[in-house]
């Protein structure tokens, strides 16, 4: 009695009898539909036919089960993890983003209201009436300028965050060039 050569799908673990496939190079998994490659050794055996293991002609020979090749471990697994970390998205820490906003809001308001005052779009009296007068019309002068201030603040924040992300990616790439840098990069990703 012979044991069939089997190939196990790495996704769904479904086992396929390779002797029933013939000399095909690839086929779809019956379990999940993933394309699978038939090992070249099995294809050559299928085309040439089985070779006798010995002069004995009984049906007791056993053929080993074929499993997918296992990838070799890397020599420095930390370097591979660090490379993945450098290639992945960079997230700026929350406290840094909050600090950027705390700077951008008052700075953007000062710039926009300062320019609007110099251009005569809003006067100091109109700004003062916003806080002292009553009624909804007191907000009209500020309502004209506020969208410009919001746009400037958003540009400042986006530029700062994008600049910090680029800087962080450059630092990570530089640290990857040395093994000592890889250790520092791993420590940087943890903290």
C-alpha atoms as a PDB file:
ATOM      1  CA  UNK A   1       0.000   0.000   0.000  1.00  0.00           C
ATOM      2  CA  UNK A   2       1.451   3.421  -0.918  1.00  0.00           C
ATOM      3  CA  UNK A   3       1.020   6.731   0.850  1.00  0.00           C
ATOM      4  CA  UNK A   4       0.072   9.563  -1.495  1.00  0.00           C
ATOM      5  CA  UNK A   5       2.204  12.678  -1.835  1.00  0.00           C
ATOM      6  CA  UNK A   6       0.274  15.467  -0.192  1.00  0.00           C
ATOM      7  CA  UNK A   7       0.573  19.237  -0.340  1.00  0.00           C
ATOM      8  CA  UNK A   8      -1.055  21.225   2.460  1.00  0.00           C
ATOM      9  CA  UNK A   9      -2.442  24.699   1.767  1.00  0.00           C
ATOM     10  CA  UNK A  10      -0.793  27.268   4.084  1.00  0.00           C
ATOM     11  CA  UNK A  11      -4.041  29.269   4.358  1.00  0.00           C
ATOM     12  CA  UNK A  12      -6.779  26.706   5.009  1.00  0.00           C
ATOM     13  CA  UNK A  13      -4.678  23.532   5.740  1.00  0.00           C
ATOM     14  CA  UNK A  14      -6.564  21.543   3.105  1.00  0.00           C
ATOM     15  CA  UNK A  15      -4.460  18.589   1.858  1.00  0.00           C
ATOM     16  CA  UNK A  16      -4.177  17.867  -1.852  1.00  0.00           C
ATOM     17  CA  UNK A  17      -3.161  14.570  -3.420  1.00  0.00           C
ATOM     18  CA  UNK A  18      -0.407  15.538  -5.878  1.00  0.00           C
ATOM     19  CA  UNK A  19      -0.475  12.238  -7.754  1.00  0.00           C
ATOM     20  CA  UNK A  20      -3.995  13.048  -8.974  1.00  0.00           C
ATOM     21  CA  UNK A  21      -2.877  16.398 -10.429  1.00  0.00           C
ATOM     22  CA  UNK A  22      -0.515  15.115 -13.085  1.00  0.00           C
ATOM     23  CA  UNK A  23       2.196  17.409 -14.463  1.00  0.00           C
ATOM     24  CA  UNK A  24       0.559  20.788 -13.765  1.00  0.00           C
ATOM     25  CA  UNK A  25       2.746  23.573 -12.359  1.00  0.00           C
ATOM     26  CA  UNK A  26       0.010  25.333 -10.370  1.00  0.00           C
ATOM     27  CA  UNK A  27      -3.528  24.607  -9.238  1.00  0.00           C
ATOM     28  CA  UNK A  28      -6.220  26.174  -7.077  1.00  0.00           C
ATOM     29  CA  UNK A  29      -6.789  24.967  -3.526  1.00  0.00           C
ATOM     30  CA  UNK A  30     -10.076  23.099  -3.217  1.00  0.00           C
ATOM     31  CA  UNK A  31     -10.577  24.583   0.246  1.00  0.00           C
ATOM     32  CA  UNK A  32      -9.996  28.306  -0.259  1.00  0.00           C
ATOM     33  CA  UNK A  33      -9.180  28.857  -3.953  1.00  0.00           C
ATOM     34  CA  UNK A  34      -5.620  30.088  -3.346  1.00  0.00           C
ATOM     35  CA  UNK A  35      -3.254  29.301  -6.240  1.00  0.00           C
ATOM     36  CA  UNK A  36      -0.662  26.740  -5.141  1.00  0.00           C
ATOM     37  CA  UNK A  37       2.578  25.690  -6.858  1.00  0.00           C
ATOM     38  CA  UNK A  38       3.419  22.051  -7.309  1.00  0.00           C
ATOM     39  CA  UNK A  39       7.058  21.446  -6.289  1.00  0.00           C
ATOM     40  CA  UNK A  40       9.295  20.804  -9.314  1.00  0.00           C
ATOM     41  CA  UNK A  41      10.460  17.435  -7.915  1.00  0.00           C
ATOM     42  CA  UNK A  42       6.882  16.183  -7.831  1.00  0.00           C
ATOM     43  CA  UNK A  43       6.191  17.415 -11.387  1.00  0.00           C
ATOM     44  CA  UNK A  44       9.278  15.612 -12.732  1.00  0.00           C
ATOM     45  CA  UNK A  45       8.247  12.409 -10.952  1.00  0.00           C
ATOM     46  CA  UNK A  46       4.709  12.684 -12.321  1.00  0.00           C
ATOM     47  CA  UNK A  47       5.963  13.071 -15.906  1.00  0.00           C
ATOM     48  CA  UNK A  48       8.658  10.357 -15.731  1.00  0.00           C
ATOM     49  CA  UNK A  49       6.548   7.978 -13.705  1.00  0.00           C
ATOM     50  CA  UNK A  50       7.417   6.387 -10.376  1.00  0.00           C
ATOM     51  CA  UNK A  51      10.914   4.998  -9.968  1.00  0.00           C
ATOM     52  CA  UNK A  52      11.353   1.692  -8.173  1.00  0.00           C
ATOM     53  CA  UNK A  53      12.941   2.061  -4.738  1.00  0.00           C
ATOM     54  CA  UNK A  54      14.557  -1.361  -4.897  1.00  0.00           C
ATOM     55  CA  UNK A  55      14.408  -4.596  -6.841  1.00  0.00           C
ATOM     56  CA  UNK A  56      11.488  -5.650  -4.658  1.00  0.00           C
ATOM     57  CA  UNK A  57       8.233  -5.248  -6.596  1.00  0.00           C
ATOM     58  CA  UNK A  58       5.846  -5.364  -3.649  1.00  0.00           C
ATOM     59  CA  UNK A  59       3.447  -2.524  -2.924  1.00  0.00           C
ATOM     60  CA  UNK A  60       5.014  -1.707   0.424  1.00  0.00           C
ATOM     61  CA  UNK A  61       7.141   1.303  -0.573  1.00  0.00           C
ATOM     62  CA  UNK A  62       6.292   4.569   1.173  1.00  0.00           C
ATOM     63  CA  UNK A  63       6.646   7.977  -0.436  1.00  0.00           C
ATOM     64  CA  UNK A  64       7.212  10.885   1.930  1.00  0.00           C
ATOM     65  CA  UNK A  65       4.535  13.532   2.420  1.00  0.00           C
ATOM     66  CA  UNK A  66       5.364  16.800   0.653  1.00  0.00           C
ATOM     67  CA  UNK A  67       5.050  19.947   2.722  1.00  0.00           C
ATOM     68  CA  UNK A  68       5.604  23.534   1.618  1.00  0.00           C
ATOM     69  CA  UNK A  69       9.157  24.793   2.138  1.00  0.00           C
ATOM     70  CA  UNK A  70       9.806  26.627   5.379  1.00  0.00           C
ATOM     71  CA  UNK A  71      11.442  30.027   5.075  1.00  0.00           C
ATOM     72  CA  UNK A  72      14.894  30.360   6.599  1.00  0.00           C
ATOM     73  CA  UNK A  73      15.158  32.450   9.756  1.00  0.00           C
ATOM     74  CA  UNK A  74      16.947  35.726   9.293  1.00  0.00           C
ATOM     75  CA  UNK A  75      20.399  36.185  10.761  1.00  0.00           C
ATOM     76  CA  UNK A  76      19.285  39.311  12.590  1.00  0.00           C
ATOM     77  CA  UNK A  77      15.539  39.274  13.317  1.00  0.00           C
ATOM     78  CA  UNK A  78      15.749  42.699  14.961  1.00  0.00           C
ATOM     79  CA  UNK A  79      16.936  44.258  11.717  1.00  0.00           C
ATOM     80  CA  UNK A  80      13.953  42.794   9.810  1.00  0.00           C
ATOM     81  CA  UNK A  81      11.535  44.113  12.448  1.00  0.00           C
ATOM     82  CA  UNK A  82      13.228  47.492  12.330  1.00  0.00           C
ATOM     83  CA  UNK A  83      13.001  47.573   8.536  1.00  0.00           C
ATOM     84  CA  UNK A  84       9.281  46.929   8.780  1.00  0.00           C
ATOM     85  CA  UNK A  85       8.967  49.669  11.366  1.00  0.00           C
ATOM     86  CA  UNK A  86      10.782  52.145   9.125  1.00  0.00           C
ATOM     87  CA  UNK A  87       8.631  51.250   6.144  1.00  0.00           C
ATOM     88  CA  UNK A  88       5.385  51.499   8.090  1.00  0.00           C
ATOM     89  CA  UNK A  89       3.434  54.641   8.876  1.00  0.00           C
ATOM     90  CA  UNK A  90       4.890  57.072  11.381  1.00  0.00           C
ATOM     91  CA  UNK A  91       2.600  58.350  14.106  1.00  0.00           C
ATOM     92  CA  UNK A  92       3.478  61.549  15.920  1.00  0.00           C
ATOM     93  CA  UNK A  93       2.812  61.263  19.642  1.00  0.00           C
ATOM     94  CA  UNK A  94      -0.357  62.815  21.039  1.00  0.00           C
ATOM     95  CA  UNK A  95       1.378  65.298  23.317  1.00  0.00           C
ATOM     96  CA  UNK A  96       3.419  66.634  20.395  1.00  0.00           C
ATOM     97  CA  UNK A  97       0.283  67.064  18.263  1.00  0.00           C
ATOM     98  CA  UNK A  98      -1.458  68.883  21.139  1.00  0.00           C
ATOM     99  CA  UNK A  99       1.554  71.175  21.518  1.00  0.00           C
ATOM    100  CA  UNK A 100       1.389  71.958  17.796  1.00  0.00           C
ATOM    101  CA  UNK A 101      -2.299  72.885  18.122  1.00  0.00           C
ATOM    102  CA  UNK A 102      -1.632  74.993  21.221  1.00  0.00           C
ATOM    103  CA  UNK A 103       0.919  76.962  19.226  1.00  0.00           C
ATOM    104  CA  UNK A 104      -1.002  77.108  15.924  1.00  0.00           C
ATOM    105  CA  UNK A 105      -4.357  78.436  17.210  1.00  0.00           C
ATOM    106  CA  UNK A 106      -3.152  81.646  18.891  1.00  0.00           C
ATOM    107  CA  UNK A 107      -0.440  82.217  16.268  1.00  0.00           C
ATOM    108  CA  UNK A 108      -2.915  81.808  13.391  1.00  0.00           C
ATOM    109  CA  UNK A 109      -5.444  84.120  15.064  1.00  0.00           C
ATOM    110  CA  UNK A 110      -2.813  86.801  15.693  1.00  0.00           C
ATOM    111  CA  UNK A 111      -1.574  86.652  12.109  1.00  0.00           C
ATOM    112  CA  UNK A 112      -5.046  86.762  10.514  1.00  0.00           C
ATOM    113  CA  UNK A 113      -6.487  89.424  12.809  1.00  0.00           C
ATOM    114  CA  UNK A 114      -3.273  91.463  12.562  1.00  0.00           C
ATOM    115  CA  UNK A 115      -3.357  91.418   8.754  1.00  0.00           C
ATOM    116  CA  UNK A 116      -7.112  92.109   8.740  1.00  0.00           C
ATOM    117  CA  UNK A 117      -6.543  95.111  11.029  1.00  0.00           C
ATOM    118  CA  UNK A 118      -3.753  96.482   8.833  1.00  0.00           C
ATOM    119  CA  UNK A 119      -5.932  96.065   5.712  1.00  0.00           C
ATOM    120  CA  UNK A 120      -8.908  97.733   7.398  1.00  0.00           C
ATOM    121  CA  UNK A 121     -11.166  94.676   7.174  1.00  0.00           C
ATOM    122  CA  UNK A 122     -11.787  94.855  10.925  1.00  0.00           C
ATOM    123  CA  UNK A 123     -11.145  97.697  13.348  1.00  0.00           C
ATOM    124  CA  UNK A 124     -10.291  97.553  17.026  1.00  0.00           C
ATOM    125  CA  UNK A 125     -13.726  99.021  17.888  1.00  0.00           C
ATOM    126  CA  UNK A 126     -15.527  96.248  15.937  1.00  0.00           C
ATOM    127  CA  UNK A 127     -13.443  93.651  17.738  1.00  0.00           C
ATOM    128  CA  UNK A 128     -14.202  95.265  21.098  1.00  0.00           C
ATOM    129  CA  UNK A 129     -17.967  95.381  20.303  1.00  0.00           C
ATOM    130  CA  UNK A 130     -17.834  91.599  19.782  1.00  0.00           C
ATOM    131  CA  UNK A 131     -17.232  91.219  23.513  1.00  0.00           C
ATOM    132  CA  UNK A 132     -19.213  94.174  24.901  1.00  0.00           C
ATOM    133  CA  UNK A 133     -22.281  94.632  22.680  1.00  0.00           C
ATOM    134  CA  UNK A 134     -25.398  92.476  22.584  1.00  0.00           C
ATOM    135  CA  UNK A 135     -27.165  90.861  19.651  1.00  0.00           C
ATOM    136  CA  UNK A 136     -26.065  88.503  16.924  1.00  0.00           C
ATOM    137  CA  UNK A 137     -24.857  91.179  14.538  1.00  0.00           C
ATOM    138  CA  UNK A 138     -21.848  91.837  16.766  1.00  0.00           C
ATOM    139  CA  UNK A 139     -20.246  88.622  15.391  1.00  0.00           C
ATOM    140  CA  UNK A 140     -20.473  89.694  11.718  1.00  0.00           C
ATOM    141  CA  UNK A 141     -16.962  91.219  11.455  1.00  0.00           C
ATOM    142  CA  UNK A 142     -15.357  88.141  13.010  1.00  0.00           C
ATOM    143  CA  UNK A 143     -17.442  85.772  10.872  1.00  0.00           C
ATOM    144  CA  UNK A 144     -15.826  87.298   7.776  1.00  0.00           C
ATOM    145  CA  UNK A 145     -12.303  86.545   9.026  1.00  0.00           C
ATOM    146  CA  UNK A 146     -12.746  83.303  10.954  1.00  0.00           C
ATOM    147  CA  UNK A 147     -12.677  80.945   7.899  1.00  0.00           C
ATOM    148  CA  UNK A 148      -9.329  82.437   6.872  1.00  0.00           C
ATOM    149  CA  UNK A 149      -7.989  81.928  10.405  1.00  0.00           C
ATOM    150  CA  UNK A 150      -9.226  78.315  10.454  1.00  0.00           C
ATOM    151  CA  UNK A 151      -7.548  77.657   7.101  1.00  0.00           C
ATOM    152  CA  UNK A 152      -4.233  79.144   8.247  1.00  0.00           C
ATOM    153  CA  UNK A 153      -4.331  77.146  11.505  1.00  0.00           C
ATOM    154  CA  UNK A 154      -5.031  73.925   9.601  1.00  0.00           C
ATOM    155  CA  UNK A 155      -2.129  74.621   7.221  1.00  0.00           C
ATOM    156  CA  UNK A 156       0.234  75.274  10.137  1.00  0.00           C
ATOM    157  CA  UNK A 157      -0.778  72.055  11.920  1.00  0.00           C
ATOM    158  CA  UNK A 158      -0.611  69.921   8.766  1.00  0.00           C
ATOM    159  CA  UNK A 159       2.780  71.317   7.762  1.00  0.00           C
ATOM    160  CA  UNK A 160       4.197  70.733  11.248  1.00  0.00           C
ATOM    161  CA  UNK A 161       2.897  67.148  11.515  1.00  0.00           C
ATOM    162  CA  UNK A 162       4.028  66.251   7.978  1.00  0.00           C
ATOM    163  CA  UNK A 163       7.460  67.753   8.633  1.00  0.00           C
ATOM    164  CA  UNK A 164       7.847  65.791  11.870  1.00  0.00           C
ATOM    165  CA  UNK A 165       6.743  62.551  10.144  1.00  0.00           C
ATOM    166  CA  UNK A 166       9.338  63.042   7.394  1.00  0.00           C
ATOM    167  CA  UNK A 167      12.000  63.804   9.982  1.00  0.00           C
ATOM    168  CA  UNK A 168      11.106  60.638  11.914  1.00  0.00           C
ATOM    169  CA  UNK A 169      11.263  58.507   8.733  1.00  0.00           C
ATOM    170  CA  UNK A 170      14.685  59.948   7.899  1.00  0.00           C
ATOM    171  CA  UNK A 171      15.921  59.199  11.402  1.00  0.00           C
ATOM    172  CA  UNK A 172      14.601  55.632  11.194  1.00  0.00           C
ATOM    173  CA  UNK A 173      16.245  55.098   7.818  1.00  0.00           C
ATOM    174  CA  UNK A 174      19.568  56.409   9.143  1.00  0.00           C
ATOM    175  CA  UNK A 175      19.368  54.149  12.201  1.00  0.00           C
ATOM    176  CA  UNK A 176      18.830  51.106   9.988  1.00  0.00           C
ATOM    177  CA  UNK A 177      22.264  51.444   8.410  1.00  0.00           C
ATOM    178  CA  UNK A 178      24.035  50.213  11.555  1.00  0.00           C
ATOM    179  CA  UNK A 179      23.303  47.325  13.893  1.00  0.00           C
ATOM    180  CA  UNK A 180      23.686  49.637  16.897  1.00  0.00           C
ATOM    181  CA  UNK A 181      21.140  51.904  15.261  1.00  0.00           C
ATOM    182  CA  UNK A 182      18.761  48.954  14.874  1.00  0.00           C
ATOM    183  CA  UNK A 183      18.844  48.409  18.632  1.00  0.00           C
ATOM    184  CA  UNK A 184      18.153  52.101  19.217  1.00  0.00           C
ATOM    185  CA  UNK A 185      15.309  51.992  16.683  1.00  0.00           C
ATOM    186  CA  UNK A 186      13.684  49.051  18.452  1.00  0.00           C
ATOM    187  CA  UNK A 187      13.952  50.907  21.765  1.00  0.00           C
ATOM    188  CA  UNK A 188      12.504  54.009  20.080  1.00  0.00           C
ATOM    189  CA  UNK A 189       9.492  52.034  18.763  1.00  0.00           C
ATOM    190  CA  UNK A 190       8.766  50.576  22.203  1.00  0.00           C
ATOM    191  CA  UNK A 191       8.894  53.924  24.012  1.00  0.00           C
END
